């Protein structure tokens, strides 16, 4: 079942647990679906061995079998995490998103029947996590790591853990955890050294053996975990350090160069000697910084922007842009077309 269907089936069960016979039109109106879909949802409940009786007649409909009580929900940490994150993703506009009220009520029902300790840890995660955009497939972190860090963020307790960096080197870290962020299918921890030093970003799939330590700390006023992660990803050193100036608006450029790929900033003065420097009634120049392992994808993006630009570095990118321009010109001039 999709997230939307799961939320509505749980909502149907909640309505039936209120007792009495519920007509199909009533259920359809309360769930916001048609009558055929209500019958399909009842089938899902029957598949889960929940005894739903069909009552015939003018005032017929559906009811739970007399004496039935929903058994306690027995889930492992990983299963409970998967259920609540699925509901949360649906509320945040993922594929098959459920209405906000349905998603919230379904998540509340799941939390009510979980053991107290697990419920508190999951609530810590939901309270402390930020999300940026629709995720992409990636290696998930261990549930124990994610839940332990979420609890530490909420309680503002330092943590110690083992960390493997991008080069494969391992080290022991002690961190003041400021926030958790899910971005592009990965989870990140934002935090500072225990002495309150430089801000650091850690990928959770590279973290192991988390221990909460004694003591407490205060998060800096106005600190934004999601913005910190996006800025860090855009500035991470890669093989190529690309610097551009593009005439246009940050909003237009951001459609093609999302946060996490490029750092954008206003740069009002035009390139030296450029007669098309921005005027009061035209767009200004935007400075673009990109860190990339490969350059070949940048030239097509610049073409898609359809704005004047100046490549400051590297020189190799100029060659790639010229090569793309020649290819496009040859395509446009070609007389023969494939049949």
Protein backbone atom coordinates (compact mmCIF):
# COMPACT_ATOMS: atom_id res chain seq x y z
CA UNK A 1 0.00 0.00 0.00
CA UNK A 2 1.10 3.56 -0.63
CA UNK A 3 1.56 6.05 2.21
CA UNK A 4 -1.77 7.69 1.29
CA UNK A 5 -3.65 4.38 1.30
CA UNK A 6 -2.08 3.28 4.59
CA UNK A 7 -3.10 6.53 6.28
CA UNK A 8 -6.71 6.23 5.10
CA UNK A 9 -7.01 2.54 6.02
CA UNK A 10 -5.83 3.42 9.54
CA UNK A 11 -8.35 6.28 9.59
CA UNK A 12 -11.11 3.84 8.56
CA UNK A 13 -10.15 1.50 11.40
CA UNK A 14 -10.27 4.39 13.86
CA UNK A 15 -13.80 5.31 12.71
CA UNK A 16 -15.03 1.72 13.01
CA UNK A 17 -13.52 1.43 16.50
CA UNK A 18 -15.94 4.17 17.54
CA UNK A 19 -18.65 1.52 17.46
CA UNK A 20 -21.91 1.07 15.60
CA UNK A 21 -22.65 0.53 11.94
CA UNK A 22 -21.17 3.06 9.53
CA UNK A 23 -22.76 3.40 6.10
CA UNK A 24 -20.61 3.39 3.00
CA UNK A 25 -21.62 6.98 2.02
CA UNK A 26 -20.73 8.18 5.53
CA UNK A 27 -17.33 6.50 5.41
CA UNK A 28 -16.64 7.82 1.92
CA UNK A 29 -17.43 11.38 3.02
CA UNK A 30 -15.25 11.17 6.15
CA UNK A 31 -12.30 9.65 4.30
CA UNK A 32 -12.60 11.87 1.22
CA UNK A 33 -12.84 8.95 -1.24
CA UNK A 34 -15.52 7.29 -3.34
CA UNK A 35 -17.64 4.35 -2.16
CA UNK A 36 -15.75 1.81 -4.27
CA UNK A 37 -12.51 2.84 -2.56
CA UNK A 38 -14.13 2.40 0.87
CA UNK A 39 -14.90 -1.22 -0.02
CA UNK A 40 -11.30 -1.71 -1.14
CA UNK A 41 -10.04 -0.30 2.19
CA UNK A 42 -12.33 -2.74 4.04
CA UNK A 43 -10.68 -5.50 2.01
CA UNK A 44 -7.27 -4.31 3.26
CA UNK A 45 -8.51 -4.57 6.87
CA UNK A 46 -9.79 -8.09 6.23
CA UNK A 47 -6.40 -9.02 4.75
CA UNK A 48 -4.89 -7.90 8.08
CA UNK A 49 -7.23 -10.30 9.94
CA UNK A 50 -9.27 -7.46 11.39
CA UNK A 51 -12.89 -8.74 11.53
CA UNK A 52 -15.10 -6.23 9.71
CA UNK A 53 -18.73 -7.28 9.36
CA UNK A 54 -20.85 -6.19 6.39
CA UNK A 55 -24.39 -5.32 7.53
CA UNK A 56 -27.09 -5.70 4.88
CA UNK A 57 -30.24 -3.66 4.48
CA UNK A 58 -31.41 -0.08 4.09
CA UNK A 59 -29.30 1.11 7.00
CA UNK A 60 -26.47 -1.33 6.40
CA UNK A 61 -22.79 -0.69 6.16
CA UNK A 62 -19.71 -1.86 8.04
CA UNK A 63 -18.85 -2.44 11.68
CA UNK A 64 -16.16 -4.21 13.67
CA UNK A 65 -17.13 -7.64 14.96
CA UNK A 66 -18.54 -7.41 18.51
CA UNK A 67 -15.88 -7.80 21.20
CA UNK A 68 -12.94 -7.06 18.89
CA UNK A 69 -10.13 -4.96 20.31
CA UNK A 70 -7.07 -3.99 18.34
CA UNK A 71 -4.06 -5.90 19.75
CA UNK A 72 -0.93 -4.03 20.92
CA UNK A 73 1.31 -3.02 18.02
CA UNK A 74 4.54 -5.03 18.18
CA UNK A 75 7.24 -3.40 16.03
CA UNK A 76 11.02 -3.48 16.12
CA UNK A 77 12.87 -0.15 16.25
CA UNK A 78 13.57 -0.41 12.51
CA UNK A 79 9.93 -1.22 11.66
CA UNK A 80 8.55 1.62 13.79
CA UNK A 81 11.09 4.03 12.27
CA UNK A 82 10.10 2.94 8.74
CA UNK A 83 6.37 3.45 9.45
CA UNK A 84 6.71 6.92 10.97
CA UNK A 85 9.25 8.17 8.42
CA UNK A 86 6.95 6.95 5.64
CA UNK A 87 4.05 8.90 7.12
CA UNK A 88 6.25 11.96 7.65
CA UNK A 89 7.49 11.81 4.05
CA UNK A 90 3.88 11.67 2.88
CA UNK A 91 3.00 14.78 4.89
CA UNK A 92 5.96 16.57 3.28
CA UNK A 93 4.84 16.03 -0.29
CA UNK A 94 6.52 12.80 -1.28
CA UNK A 95 5.03 10.40 -3.86
CA UNK A 96 1.50 9.37 -2.91
CA UNK A 97 1.31 12.06 -0.23
CA UNK A 98 -1.59 11.78 2.18
CA UNK A 99 -3.61 14.79 3.36
CA UNK A 100 -1.86 16.45 6.29
CA UNK A 101 -4.65 15.66 8.76
CA UNK A 102 -4.75 11.98 7.74
CA UNK A 103 -0.98 11.62 8.00
CA UNK A 104 -0.85 13.30 11.40
CA UNK A 105 -3.69 11.21 12.81
CA UNK A 106 -2.17 7.97 11.49
CA UNK A 107 1.22 8.81 13.01
CA UNK A 108 -0.47 9.65 16.33
CA UNK A 109 -2.27 6.28 16.35
CA UNK A 110 0.96 4.41 15.71
CA UNK A 111 2.77 6.32 18.48
CA UNK A 112 -0.03 5.66 21.00
CA UNK A 113 0.40 1.89 20.84
CA UNK A 114 4.21 1.79 20.92
CA UNK A 115 6.18 1.03 24.08
CA UNK A 116 6.88 4.23 26.03
CA UNK A 117 10.67 4.18 25.59
CA UNK A 118 10.51 3.65 21.82
CA UNK A 119 7.75 6.24 21.44
CA UNK A 120 9.81 8.88 23.24
CA UNK A 121 12.85 8.22 21.03
CA UNK A 122 10.79 8.41 17.83
CA UNK A 123 9.15 11.64 19.02
CA UNK A 124 12.64 13.04 19.61
CA UNK A 125 13.48 12.29 15.96
CA UNK A 126 10.28 13.90 14.64
CA UNK A 127 10.87 17.02 16.76
CA UNK A 128 14.52 17.51 15.81
CA UNK A 129 14.71 16.52 12.11
CA UNK A 130 14.67 18.94 9.15
CA UNK A 131 13.87 17.91 5.56
CA UNK A 132 14.95 19.70 2.39
CA UNK A 133 13.57 17.95 -0.67
CA UNK A 134 12.36 14.70 -2.19
CA UNK A 135 14.95 12.03 -1.38
CA UNK A 136 16.98 9.88 -3.75
CA UNK A 137 17.94 6.26 -3.08
CA UNK A 138 20.97 6.00 -0.78
CA UNK A 139 22.36 3.83 1.98
CA UNK A 140 20.22 4.43 5.09
CA UNK A 141 21.79 4.99 8.51
CA UNK A 142 21.38 2.44 11.26
CA UNK A 143 18.14 3.02 13.18
CA UNK A 144 20.01 2.91 16.50
CA UNK A 145 22.39 5.66 15.33
CA UNK A 146 19.59 7.91 14.07
CA UNK A 147 17.44 7.50 17.19
CA UNK A 148 20.32 7.95 19.64
CA UNK A 149 21.44 11.16 17.90
CA UNK A 150 17.87 12.49 17.79
CA UNK A 151 17.55 11.99 21.52
CA UNK A 152 20.90 13.71 22.10
CA UNK A 153 19.82 16.70 19.96
CA UNK A 154 16.58 17.08 21.91
CA UNK A 155 18.27 16.73 25.31
CA UNK A 156 21.25 18.86 24.19
CA UNK A 157 23.74 16.26 25.33
CA UNK A 158 27.22 15.74 23.80
CA UNK A 159 27.86 12.52 21.90
CA UNK A 160 30.88 10.40 21.08
CA UNK A 161 31.02 8.17 18.01
CA UNK A 162 33.29 6.49 15.49
CA UNK A 163 33.40 8.18 12.09
CA UNK A 164 34.73 7.12 8.68
CA UNK A 165 35.45 10.05 6.34
CA UNK A 166 35.12 10.13 2.55
CA UNK A 167 38.71 8.86 2.16
CA UNK A 168 37.97 5.82 4.31
CA UNK A 169 39.95 7.03 7.33
CA UNK A 170 38.40 6.28 10.73
CA UNK A 171 38.52 8.45 13.84
CA UNK A 172 36.82 8.97 17.20
CA UNK A 173 34.72 12.15 17.47
CA UNK A 174 33.12 14.04 20.36
CA UNK A 175 30.46 16.46 19.15
CA UNK A 176 27.79 18.86 20.40
CA UNK A 177 24.85 17.76 18.17
CA UNK A 178 22.84 20.77 16.94
CA UNK A 179 20.43 19.15 14.48
CA UNK A 180 19.60 16.31 12.08
CA UNK A 181 18.81 16.93 8.42
CA UNK A 182 17.52 14.59 5.70
CA UNK A 183 18.70 15.73 2.26
CA UNK A 184 18.66 13.91 -1.09
CA UNK A 185 18.23 10.49 0.49
CA UNK A 186 20.92 10.90 3.15
CA UNK A 187 20.87 11.93 6.81
CA UNK A 188 23.35 14.48 8.16
CA UNK A 189 24.29 15.58 11.68
CA UNK A 190 25.24 19.21 12.28
CA UNK A 191 27.34 20.01 15.33
CA UNK A 192 30.44 21.57 16.80
CA UNK A 193 33.42 20.20 18.70
CA UNK A 194 32.89 19.75 22.42
CA UNK A 195 34.80 22.98 23.05
CA UNK A 196 32.27 24.81 20.83
CA UNK A 197 34.74 25.04 17.95
CA UNK A 198 34.30 24.83 14.19
CA UNK A 199 30.92 23.75 12.81
CA UNK A 200 31.04 20.25 11.31
CA UNK A 201 28.73 18.12 9.17
CA UNK A 202 28.66 14.31 9.44
CA UNK A 203 26.93 11.72 7.25
CA UNK A 204 25.00 9.32 9.44
CA UNK A 205 25.76 6.30 7.27
CA UNK A 206 29.43 6.83 8.23
CA UNK A 207 28.73 7.01 11.98
CA UNK A 208 28.92 4.02 14.33
CA UNK A 209 28.98 3.28 18.07
CA UNK A 210 27.15 6.40 19.28
CA UNK A 211 27.31 7.16 23.02
CA UNK A 212 25.49 9.98 24.77
CA UNK A 213 27.77 11.78 27.23
CA UNK A 214 27.14 13.75 30.40
CA UNK A 215 26.82 17.51 30.33
CA UNK A 216 24.69 19.91 28.28
CA UNK A 217 25.07 22.78 25.82
CA UNK A 218 23.10 25.59 24.18
CA UNK A 219 22.44 25.80 20.43
CA UNK A 220 23.39 29.23 18.98
CA UNK A 221 20.43 31.58 18.45
CA UNK A 222 19.07 31.48 14.92
CA UNK A 223 20.99 28.35 13.97
CA UNK A 224 19.42 26.66 10.91
CA UNK A 225 20.52 23.00 10.52
CA UNK A 226 19.12 22.55 6.99
CA UNK A 227 20.71 25.76 5.66
CA UNK A 228 24.00 24.80 7.28
CA UNK A 229 24.04 21.41 5.56
CA UNK A 230 23.17 22.86 2.15
CA UNK A 231 25.87 25.52 2.44
CA UNK A 232 28.42 22.93 3.56
CA UNK A 233 27.62 20.59 0.65
CA UNK A 234 27.95 23.42 -1.84
CA UNK A 235 31.39 24.34 -0.44
CA UNK A 236 32.81 20.84 0.00
CA UNK A 237 36.16 20.63 -1.82
CA UNK A 238 36.06 18.58 -5.01
CA UNK A 239 38.37 18.01 -7.98
CA UNK A 240 37.22 21.20 -9.74
CA UNK A 241 36.58 24.61 -8.21
CA UNK A 242 34.30 26.42 -10.65
CA UNK A 243 33.71 30.17 -10.44
CA UNK A 244 31.22 31.88 -12.76
CA UNK A 245 29.33 35.12 -13.12
CA UNK A 246 25.87 34.88 -14.63
CA UNK A 247 23.58 37.78 -15.48
CA UNK A 248 20.14 37.04 -14.06
CA UNK A 249 18.36 36.47 -10.79
CA UNK A 250 19.13 34.05 -8.01
CA UNK A 251 15.61 32.62 -8.37
CA UNK A 252 16.12 31.78 -12.07
CA UNK A 253 19.54 30.24 -11.47
CA UNK A 254 18.31 28.21 -8.51
CA UNK A 255 15.85 26.39 -10.80
CA UNK A 256 18.86 24.92 -12.63
CA UNK A 257 21.47 24.94 -9.85
CA UNK A 258 19.82 23.76 -6.63
CA UNK A 259 21.27 24.32 -3.18
CA UNK A 260 23.76 21.62 -2.37
CA UNK A 261 25.25 21.86 -5.89
CA UNK A 262 26.04 25.56 -6.20
CA UNK A 263 26.55 28.51 -3.87
CA UNK A 264 24.95 31.67 -5.28
CA UNK A 265 25.52 35.26 -4.20
CA UNK A 266 24.70 38.67 -5.65
CA UNK A 267 27.62 40.30 -7.45
CA UNK A 268 26.41 43.65 -8.76
CA UNK A 269 29.41 44.90 -10.76
CA UNK A 270 29.51 43.36 -14.24
CA UNK A 271 32.63 41.74 -15.68
CA UNK A 272 35.43 44.13 -16.46
CA UNK A 273 34.90 45.98 -19.74
CA UNK A 274 31.47 44.44 -20.29
CA UNK A 275 29.14 46.95 -21.92
CA UNK A 276 26.17 44.88 -20.77
CA UNK A 277 26.80 45.55 -17.08
CA UNK A 278 23.53 45.64 -15.17
CA UNK A 279 21.52 48.81 -15.09
CA UNK A 280 18.85 49.93 -12.66
CA UNK A 281 16.12 48.41 -14.86
CA UNK A 282 17.84 45.10 -15.64
CA UNK A 283 18.96 42.01 -13.77
CA UNK A 284 22.24 42.04 -11.92
CA UNK A 285 25.10 39.57 -11.92
CA UNK A 286 25.14 36.51 -9.71
CA UNK A 287 28.35 34.84 -8.63
CA UNK A 288 28.19 31.04 -8.87
CA UNK A 289 30.58 28.69 -7.07
CA UNK A 290 30.45 24.97 -7.89
CA UNK A 291 32.61 22.16 -6.53
CA UNK A 292 32.51 19.18 -8.88
CA UNK A 293 34.30 15.95 -9.65
CA UNK A 294 33.43 16.36 -13.37
CA UNK A 295 32.92 19.39 -15.59
CA UNK A 296 31.02 17.86 -18.51
CA UNK A 297 27.56 18.43 -17.03
CA UNK A 298 28.08 22.16 -16.40
CA UNK A 299 28.18 23.32 -20.04
CA UNK A 300 24.64 22.00 -20.80
CA UNK A 301 23.36 23.70 -17.65
CA UNK A 302 24.83 27.03 -18.75
CA UNK A 303 23.15 26.60 -22.13
CA UNK A 304 19.83 25.91 -20.40
CA UNK A 305 20.16 29.10 -18.34
CA UNK A 306 20.10 31.15 -21.56
CA UNK A 307 21.77 34.11 -19.82
CA UNK A 308 25.07 35.94 -20.42
CA UNK A 309 27.86 34.41 -18.36
CA UNK A 310 31.59 34.75 -17.72
CA UNK A 311 33.75 31.76 -16.79
CA UNK A 312 36.41 32.83 -14.31
CA UNK A 313 37.82 29.35 -13.75
CA UNK A 314 38.73 26.71 -14.75
CA UNK A 315 39.89 27.28 -18.33
CA UNK A 316 38.90 23.69 -19.19
CA UNK A 317 35.24 24.64 -18.76
CA UNK A 318 35.59 27.26 -21.53
CA UNK A 319 36.78 24.52 -23.89
CA UNK A 320 33.79 22.34 -22.97
CA UNK A 321 31.36 25.22 -23.60
CA UNK A 322 32.94 25.96 -27.00
CA UNK A 323 32.75 22.26 -27.92
CA UNK A 324 29.07 22.13 -26.95
CA UNK A 325 28.37 25.27 -29.00
CA UNK A 326 30.02 23.70 -32.05
CA UNK A 327 27.99 20.50 -31.64
CA UNK A 328 24.74 22.41 -31.28
CA UNK A 329 25.62 24.49 -34.34
CA UNK A 330 26.33 21.38 -36.38
CA UNK A 331 23.01 19.88 -35.32
CA UNK A 332 21.16 23.04 -36.29
CA UNK A 333 22.90 23.23 -39.70
CA UNK A 334 22.43 19.56 -40.58
CA UNK A 335 20.28 18.96 -43.69
CA UNK A 336 19.73 15.25 -43.16
CA UNK A 337 17.34 14.11 -40.48
CA UNK A 338 16.95 10.58 -39.16
CA UNK A 339 13.85 8.82 -40.43
